[in-house]
Amino acid sequence: MAAISFDSAGHLQATSIRTRPVRESTLLTEAEIQKNFVKLIKNRDADASALDKAENLLDELRLESPLRHRLETELDEIRKFATS
């Protein structure tokens, strides 16, 4: 978005206005996602919050990623184990 104003000589000036802060997005590598996933579920007694965070990590991976499919399967097994 830009703000329009005139200088003392009557020339048009445009200045940039930020309406919201810019959030820098940090992309994780597959290795970082796998490392963080393992940390979250390192024991089979992971709570619901840890499992939700692990699932959110999976959203960082491409849909066709083999790592995503492997970790999704592992997460499903952990959830089944937790409910039994």
Protein backbone atom coordinates (compact mmCIF):
# COMPACT_ATOMS: atom_id res chain seq x y z
CA MET A 1 0.00 0.00 0.00
CA ALA A 2 1.26 3.50 -0.73
CA ALA A 3 0.48 6.92 0.67
CA ILE A 4 0.31 9.78 -1.80
CA SER A 5 1.40 13.29 -0.84
CA PHE A 6 2.86 16.43 -2.41
CA ASP A 7 6.18 18.03 -1.56
CA SER A 8 6.68 21.81 -1.11
CA ALA A 9 7.17 22.27 -4.87
CA GLY A 10 3.89 20.52 -5.61
CA HIS A 11 5.44 17.32 -6.90
CA LEU A 12 3.65 14.08 -6.26
CA GLN A 13 5.33 11.74 -3.77
CA ALA A 14 4.43 8.17 -2.91
CA THR A 15 5.66 6.44 0.20
CA SER A 16 5.21 2.86 1.21
CA ILE A 17 3.05 2.06 4.21
CA ARG A 18 3.11 -1.32 5.90
CA THR A 19 -0.30 -2.24 7.16
CA ARG A 20 0.95 -5.32 9.02
CA PRO A 21 4.34 -6.60 10.04
CA VAL A 22 6.11 -8.84 7.58
CA ARG A 23 6.65 -12.29 9.03
CA GLU A 24 9.71 -14.05 7.83
CA SER A 25 8.89 -17.64 7.09
CA THR A 26 11.57 -20.17 7.79
CA LEU A 27 11.35 -23.31 5.72
CA LEU A 28 12.55 -26.47 7.36
CA THR A 29 14.47 -29.14 5.54
CA GLU A 30 13.23 -32.73 5.56
CA ALA A 31 16.07 -33.62 7.93
CA GLU A 32 15.00 -30.88 10.37
CA ILE A 33 11.38 -31.96 10.19
CA GLN A 34 12.32 -35.59 10.86
CA LYS A 35 14.58 -34.56 13.78
CA ASN A 36 11.84 -32.41 15.35
CA PHE A 37 9.24 -35.14 14.76
CA VAL A 38 11.39 -37.70 16.57
CA LYS A 39 11.95 -35.29 19.47
CA LEU A 40 8.20 -34.79 19.84
CA ILE A 41 7.32 -38.46 19.87
CA LYS A 42 10.51 -40.01 21.22
CA ASN A 43 8.52 -41.93 23.77
CA ARG A 44 5.30 -43.73 23.04
CA ASP A 45 3.63 -41.78 25.85
CA ALA A 46 3.54 -38.51 23.90
CA ASP A 47 0.56 -36.38 24.87
CA ALA A 48 -2.08 -35.04 22.48
CA SER A 49 -0.31 -31.68 22.24
CA ALA A 50 2.94 -33.31 21.11
CA LEU A 51 1.08 -35.40 18.55
CA ASP A 52 -0.66 -32.30 17.20
CA LYS A 53 2.68 -30.51 16.89
CA ALA A 54 4.11 -33.54 15.10
CA GLU A 55 1.17 -33.48 12.70
CA ASN A 56 1.74 -29.78 12.05
CA LEU A 57 5.33 -30.57 11.12
CA LEU A 58 4.05 -32.96 8.47
CA ASP A 59 2.15 -30.08 6.88
CA GLU A 60 5.53 -28.55 6.05
CA LEU A 61 6.30 -31.45 3.72
CA ARG A 62 5.09 -31.82 0.15
CA LEU A 63 2.07 -34.07 -0.23
CA GLU A 64 4.02 -36.50 -2.39
CA SER A 65 7.02 -36.66 -0.05
CA PRO A 66 7.98 -40.23 0.93
CA LEU A 67 9.06 -38.89 4.33
CA ARG A 68 5.62 -37.40 4.86
CA HIS A 69 3.94 -40.73 4.10
CA ARG A 70 6.30 -42.61 6.42
CA LEU A 71 5.85 -40.17 9.30
CA GLU A 72 2.06 -40.03 8.80
CA THR A 73 1.95 -43.82 9.08
CA GLU A 74 4.08 -43.70 12.21
CA LEU A 75 1.91 -41.00 13.74
CA ASP A 76 -1.26 -43.00 12.98
CA GLU A 77 0.26 -46.04 14.70
CA ILE A 78 1.20 -43.99 17.76
CA ARG A 79 -2.33 -42.58 17.98
CA LYS A 80 -3.84 -46.08 17.70
CA PHE A 81 -1.43 -47.32 20.37
CA ALA A 82 -2.38 -44.38 22.64
CA THR A 83 -6.11 -45.12 22.36
CA SER A 84 -5.78 -48.84 23.04
